[in-house]
Amino acid sequence: MSDDKTSRGYPLPHPENIAVEDVVRIRKAIEKIDEDMSERENQLKSNFERFNFETFLNFWE
């Protein structure tokens, strides 16, 4: 089984792998991508809320 990964560490399918191995690798990659995207989304929401609050404070000065 080939052990190829992306630069972010997501497992990649490979033509030399049997389908069963690649299904597991693709599932792990999707789970990791989902986890990373959720983390980014939470960071963006937090930054946006902080920005709005700081903008609100400056508005009243």
PDB file of N, CA and C in Angstrom:
ATOM      1  N   MET A   1       0.846  -1.184   0.000  1.00  0.00           N
ATOM      2  CA  MET A   1       0.000   0.000   0.000  1.00  0.00           C
ATOM      3  C   MET A   1       0.883   1.237   0.000  1.00  0.00           C
ATOM      4  N   SER A   2       0.638   2.142  -0.929  1.00  0.00           N
ATOM      5  CA  SER A   2       1.348   3.404  -0.989  1.00  0.00           C
ATOM      6  C   SER A   2       0.810   4.332   0.091  1.00  0.00           C
ATOM      7  N   ASP A   3       1.676   5.166   0.656  1.00  0.00           N
ATOM      8  CA  ASP A   3       1.283   6.030   1.766  1.00  0.00           C
ATOM      9  C   ASP A   3       1.422   7.504   1.385  1.00  0.00           C
ATOM     10  N   ASP A   4       0.811   7.902   0.285  1.00  0.00           N
ATOM     11  CA  ASP A   4       0.888   9.283  -0.168  1.00  0.00           C
ATOM     12  C   ASP A   4      -0.025  10.173   0.653  1.00  0.00           C
ATOM     13  N   LYS A   5       0.456  11.411   0.923  1.00  0.00           N
ATOM     14  CA  LYS A   5      -0.337  12.393   1.654  1.00  0.00           C
ATOM     15  C   LYS A   5      -0.152  13.756   1.015  1.00  0.00           C
ATOM     16  N   THR A   6      -1.129  14.633   1.250  1.00  0.00           N
ATOM     17  CA  THR A   6      -1.016  16.009   0.785  1.00  0.00           C
ATOM     18  C   THR A   6      -0.078  16.768   1.715  1.00  0.00           C
ATOM     19  N   SER A   7       0.212  18.009   1.370  1.00  0.00           N
ATOM     20  CA  SER A   7       1.077  18.830   2.218  1.00  0.00           C
ATOM     21  C   SER A   7       0.435  19.106   3.580  1.00  0.00           C
ATOM     22  N   ARG A   8      -0.886  19.025   3.653  1.00  0.00           N
ATOM     23  CA  ARG A   8      -1.584  19.218   4.932  1.00  0.00           C
ATOM     24  C   ARG A   8      -1.756  17.911   5.695  1.00  0.00           C
ATOM     25  N   GLY A   9      -1.280  16.818   5.115  1.00  0.00           N
ATOM     26  CA  GLY A   9      -1.336  15.530   5.795  1.00  0.00           C
ATOM     27  C   GLY A   9      -2.566  14.696   5.500  1.00  0.00           C
ATOM     28  N   TYR A  10      -3.377  15.108   4.540  1.00  0.00           N
ATOM     29  CA  TYR A  10      -4.555  14.317   4.176  1.00  0.00           C
ATOM     30  C   TYR A  10      -4.110  13.100   3.362  1.00  0.00           C
ATOM     31  N   PRO A  11      -4.611  11.923   3.701  1.00  0.00           N
ATOM     32  CA  PRO A  11      -4.242  10.738   2.914  1.00  0.00           C
ATOM     33  C   PRO A  11      -4.840  10.789   1.517  1.00  0.00           C
ATOM     34  N   LEU A  12      -4.049  10.377   0.541  1.00  0.00           N
ATOM     35  CA  LEU A  12      -4.490  10.371  -0.854  1.00  0.00           C
ATOM     36  C   LEU A  12      -4.659   8.946  -1.362  1.00  0.00           C
ATOM     37  N   PRO A  13      -5.635   8.713  -2.246  1.00  0.00           N
ATOM     38  CA  PRO A  13      -5.738   7.401  -2.895  1.00  0.00           C
ATOM     39  C   PRO A  13      -4.560   7.224  -3.856  1.00  0.00           C
ATOM     40  N   HIS A  14      -4.271   5.995  -4.182  1.00  0.00           N
ATOM     41  CA  HIS A  14      -3.159   5.706  -5.085  1.00  0.00           C
ATOM     42  C   HIS A  14      -3.547   4.536  -5.977  1.00  0.00           C
ATOM     43  N   PRO A  15      -3.154   4.550  -7.244  1.00  0.00           N
ATOM     44  CA  PRO A  15      -3.543   3.482  -8.175  1.00  0.00           C
ATOM     45  C   PRO A  15      -3.071   2.088  -7.748  1.00  0.00           C
ATOM     46  N   GLU A  16      -2.008   2.004  -6.965  1.00  0.00           N
ATOM     47  CA  GLU A  16      -1.514   0.692  -6.538  1.00  0.00           C
ATOM     48  C   GLU A  16      -2.272   0.123  -5.339  1.00  0.00           C
ATOM     49  N   ASN A  17      -3.059   0.956  -4.677  1.00  0.00           N
ATOM     50  CA  ASN A  17      -3.828   0.485  -3.522  1.00  0.00           C
ATOM     51  C   ASN A  17      -5.056  -0.286  -3.991  1.00  0.00           C
ATOM     52  N   ILE A  18      -5.493  -1.244  -3.159  1.00  0.00           N
ATOM     53  CA  ILE A  18      -6.761  -1.907  -3.453  1.00  0.00           C
ATOM     54  C   ILE A  18      -7.884  -0.971  -3.006  1.00  0.00           C
ATOM     55  N   ALA A  19      -9.051  -1.124  -3.589  1.00  0.00           N
ATOM     56  CA  ALA A  19     -10.167  -0.209  -3.339  1.00  0.00           C
ATOM     57  C   ALA A  19     -10.517  -0.101  -1.853  1.00  0.00           C
ATOM     58  N   VAL A  20     -10.481  -1.206  -1.133  1.00  0.00           N
ATOM     59  CA  VAL A  20     -10.841  -1.186   0.284  1.00  0.00           C
ATOM     60  C   VAL A  20      -9.905  -0.258   1.067  1.00  0.00           C
ATOM     61  N   GLU A  21      -8.629  -0.279   0.742  1.00  0.00           N
ATOM     62  CA  GLU A  21      -7.683   0.591   1.424  1.00  0.00           C
ATOM     63  C   GLU A  21      -7.954   2.058   1.086  1.00  0.00           C
ATOM     64  N   ASP A  22      -8.235   2.337  -0.154  1.00  0.00           N
ATOM     65  CA  ASP A  22      -8.481   3.716  -0.556  1.00  0.00           C
ATOM     66  C   ASP A  22      -9.779   4.269   0.014  1.00  0.00           C
ATOM     67  N   VAL A  23     -10.795   3.443   0.170  1.00  0.00           N
ATOM     68  CA  VAL A  23     -12.055   3.912   0.756  1.00  0.00           C
ATOM     69  C   VAL A  23     -11.788   4.412   2.174  1.00  0.00           C
ATOM     70  N   VAL A  24     -11.017   3.672   2.926  1.00  0.00           N
ATOM     71  CA  VAL A  24     -10.690   4.081   4.292  1.00  0.00           C
ATOM     72  C   VAL A  24      -9.874   5.372   4.277  1.00  0.00           C
ATOM     73  N   ARG A  25      -8.909   5.468   3.382  1.00  0.00           N
ATOM     74  CA  ARG A  25      -8.074   6.670   3.288  1.00  0.00           C
ATOM     75  C   ARG A  25      -8.898   7.886   2.877  1.00  0.00           C
ATOM     76  N   ILE A  26      -9.800   7.716   1.923  1.00  0.00           N
ATOM     77  CA  ILE A  26     -10.638   8.832   1.482  1.00  0.00           C
ATOM     78  C   ILE A  26     -11.560   9.275   2.608  1.00  0.00           C
ATOM     79  N   ARG A  27     -12.109   8.331   3.343  1.00  0.00           N
ATOM     80  CA  ARG A  27     -12.969   8.672   4.476  1.00  0.00           C
ATOM     81  C   ARG A  27     -12.197   9.472   5.527  1.00  0.00           C
ATOM     82  N   LYS A  28     -10.979   9.026   5.835  1.00  0.00           N
ATOM     83  CA  LYS A  28     -10.154   9.758   6.809  1.00  0.00           C
ATOM     84  C   LYS A  28      -9.834  11.158   6.314  1.00  0.00           C
ATOM     85  N   ALA A  29      -9.556  11.286   5.033  1.00  0.00           N
ATOM     86  CA  ALA A  29      -9.255  12.598   4.457  1.00  0.00           C
ATOM     87  C   ALA A  29     -10.463  13.522   4.572  1.00  0.00           C
ATOM     88  N   ILE A  30     -11.645  13.020   4.247  1.00  0.00           N
ATOM     89  CA  ILE A  30     -12.859  13.834   4.326  1.00  0.00           C
ATOM     90  C   ILE A  30     -13.123  14.259   5.768  1.00  0.00           C
ATOM     91  N   GLU A  31     -12.943  13.340   6.709  1.00  0.00           N
ATOM     92  CA  GLU A  31     -13.143  13.678   8.120  1.00  0.00           C
ATOM     93  C   GLU A  31     -12.167  14.767   8.571  1.00  0.00           C
ATOM     94  N   LYS A  32     -10.916  14.656   8.163  1.00  0.00           N
ATOM     95  CA  LYS A  32      -9.901  15.640   8.535  1.00  0.00           C
ATOM     96  C   LYS A  32     -10.191  16.998   7.883  1.00  0.00           C
ATOM     97  N   ILE A  33     -10.590  16.994   6.632  1.00  0.00           N
ATOM     98  CA  ILE A  33     -10.938  18.242   5.942  1.00  0.00           C
ATOM     99  C   ILE A  33     -12.127  18.905   6.636  1.00  0.00           C
ATOM    100  N   ASP A  34     -13.135  18.116   6.997  1.00  0.00           N
ATOM    101  CA  ASP A  34     -14.295  18.647   7.695  1.00  0.00           C
ATOM    102  C   ASP A  34     -13.882  19.261   9.030  1.00  0.00           C
ATOM    103  N   GLU A  35     -13.032  18.570   9.757  1.00  0.00           N
ATOM    104  CA  GLU A  35     -12.534  19.073  11.042  1.00  0.00           C
ATOM    105  C   GLU A  35     -11.786  20.402  10.851  1.00  0.00           C
ATOM    106  N   ASP A  36     -10.911  20.456   9.854  1.00  0.00           N
ATOM    107  CA  ASP A  36     -10.148  21.673   9.579  1.00  0.00           C
ATOM    108  C   ASP A  36     -11.064  22.830   9.173  1.00  0.00           C
ATOM    109  N   MET A  37     -12.053  22.544   8.334  1.00  0.00           N
ATOM    110  CA  MET A  37     -12.972  23.592   7.886  1.00  0.00           C
ATOM    111  C   MET A  37     -13.826  24.104   9.045  1.00  0.00           C
ATOM    112  N   SER A  38     -14.263  23.222   9.919  1.00  0.00           N
ATOM    113  CA  SER A  38     -15.055  23.635  11.081  1.00  0.00           C
ATOM    114  C   SER A  38     -14.228  24.522  12.002  1.00  0.00           C
ATOM    115  N   GLU A  39     -12.973  24.167  12.183  1.00  0.00           N
ATOM    116  CA  GLU A  39     -12.081  24.966  13.014  1.00  0.00           C
ATOM    117  C   GLU A  39     -11.886  26.355  12.409  1.00  0.00           C
ATOM    118  N   ARG A  40     -11.674  26.424  11.098  1.00  0.00           N
ATOM    119  CA  ARG A  40     -11.514  27.711  10.406  1.00  0.00           C
ATOM    120  C   ARG A  40     -12.787  28.546  10.512  1.00  0.00           C
ATOM    121  N   GLU A  41     -13.925  27.890  10.340  1.00  0.00           N
ATOM    122  CA  GLU A  41     -15.197  28.597  10.420  1.00  0.00           C
ATOM    123  C   GLU A  41     -15.378  29.215  11.808  1.00  0.00           C
ATOM    124  N   ASN A  42     -15.042  28.467  12.843  1.00  0.00           N
ATOM    125  CA  ASN A  42     -15.161  28.981  14.207  1.00  0.00           C
ATOM    126  C   ASN A  42     -14.206  30.151  14.438  1.00  0.00           C
ATOM    127  N   GLN A  43     -12.993  30.062  13.890  1.00  0.00           N
ATOM    128  CA  GLN A  43     -12.043  31.169  14.010  1.00  0.00           C
ATOM    129  C   GLN A  43     -12.571  32.414  13.308  1.00  0.00           C
ATOM    130  N   LEU A  44     -13.118  32.245  12.113  1.00  0.00           N
ATOM    131  CA  LEU A  44     -13.661  33.384  11.379  1.00  0.00           C
ATOM    132  C   LEU A  44     -14.836  34.026  12.111  1.00  0.00           C
ATOM    133  N   LYS A  45     -15.718  33.204  12.669  1.00  0.00           N
ATOM    134  CA  LYS A  45     -16.852  33.735  13.426  1.00  0.00           C
ATOM    135  C   LYS A  45     -16.365  34.531  14.623  1.00  0.00           C
ATOM    136  N   SER A  46     -15.391  33.984  15.322  1.00  0.00           N
ATOM    137  CA  SER A  46     -14.840  34.655  16.493  1.00  0.00           C
ATOM    138  C   SER A  46     -14.194  35.983  16.109  1.00  0.00           C
ATOM    139  N   ASN A  47     -13.407  35.976  15.036  1.00  0.00           N
ATOM    140  CA  ASN A  47     -12.771  37.214  14.576  1.00  0.00           C
ATOM    141  C   ASN A  47     -13.809  38.247  14.151  1.00  0.00           C
ATOM    142  N   PHE A  48     -14.847  37.799  13.468  1.00  0.00           N
ATOM    143  CA  PHE A  48     -15.893  38.709  13.011  1.00  0.00           C
ATOM    144  C   PHE A  48     -16.633  39.318  14.193  1.00  0.00           C
ATOM    145  N   GLU A  49     -16.958  38.498  15.199  1.00  0.00           N
ATOM    146  CA  GLU A  49     -17.658  39.004  16.383  1.00  0.00           C
ATOM    147  C   GLU A  49     -16.788  40.018  17.125  1.00  0.00           C
ATOM    148  N   ARG A  50     -15.499  39.728  17.255  1.00  0.00           N
ATOM    149  CA  ARG A  50     -14.594  40.654  17.928  1.00  0.00           C
ATOM    150  C   ARG A  50     -14.494  41.960  17.134  1.00  0.00           C
ATOM    151  N   PHE A  51     -14.389  41.850  15.814  1.00  0.00           N
ATOM    152  CA  PHE A  51     -14.313  43.034  14.958  1.00  0.00           C
ATOM    153  C   PHE A  51     -15.571  43.887  15.101  1.00  0.00           C
ATOM    154  N   ASN A  52     -16.731  43.256  15.088  1.00  0.00           N
ATOM    155  CA  ASN A  52     -17.981  43.993  15.238  1.00  0.00           C
ATOM    156  C   ASN A  52     -18.043  44.703  16.586  1.00  0.00           C
ATOM    157  N   PHE A  53     -17.608  44.035  17.633  1.00  0.00           N
ATOM    158  CA  PHE A  53     -17.634  44.623  18.965  1.00  0.00           C
ATOM    159  C   PHE A  53     -16.672  45.808  19.034  1.00  0.00           C
ATOM    160  N   GLU A  54     -15.469  45.662  18.492  1.00  0.00           N
ATOM    161  CA  GLU A  54     -14.495  46.751  18.496  1.00  0.00           C
ATOM    162  C   GLU A  54     -14.993  47.921  17.654  1.00  0.00           C
ATOM    163  N   THR A  55     -15.624  47.627  16.532  1.00  0.00           N
ATOM    164  CA  THR A  55     -16.190  48.686  15.685  1.00  0.00           C
ATOM    165  C   THR A  55     -17.302  49.406  16.441  1.00  0.00           C
ATOM    166  N   PHE A  56     -18.119  48.660  17.145  1.00  0.00           N
ATOM    167  CA  PHE A  56     -19.196  49.247  17.943  1.00  0.00           C
ATOM    168  C   PHE A  56     -18.628  50.166  19.008  1.00  0.00           C
ATOM    169  N   LEU A  57     -17.582  49.741  19.689  1.00  0.00           N
ATOM    170  CA  LEU A  57     -16.970  50.570  20.722  1.00  0.00           C
ATOM    171  C   LEU A  57     -16.402  51.859  20.150  1.00  0.00           C
ATOM    172  N   ASN A  58     -15.761  51.784  18.999  1.00  0.00           N
ATOM    173  CA  ASN A  58     -15.201  52.976  18.372  1.00  0.00           C
ATOM    174  C   ASN A  58     -16.288  53.902  17.857  1.00  0.00           C
ATOM    175  N   PHE A  59     -17.426  53.355  17.506  1.00  0.00           N
ATOM    176  CA  PHE A  59     -18.542  54.160  17.013  1.00  0.00           C
ATOM    177  C   PHE A  59     -19.021  55.126  18.081  1.00  0.00           C
ATOM    178  N   TRP A  60     -19.005  54.702  19.320  1.00  0.00           N
ATOM    179  CA  TRP A  60     -19.537  55.521  20.415  1.00  0.00           C
ATOM    180  C   TRP A  60     -18.495  56.433  21.043  1.00  0.00           C
ATOM    181  N   GLU A  61     -17.268  56.417  20.558  1.00  0.00           N
ATOM    182  CA  GLU A  61     -16.238  57.300  21.136  1.00  0.00           C
ATOM    183  C   GLU A  61     -16.309  58.675  20.545  1.00  0.00           C
TER     184      GLU A  61
END
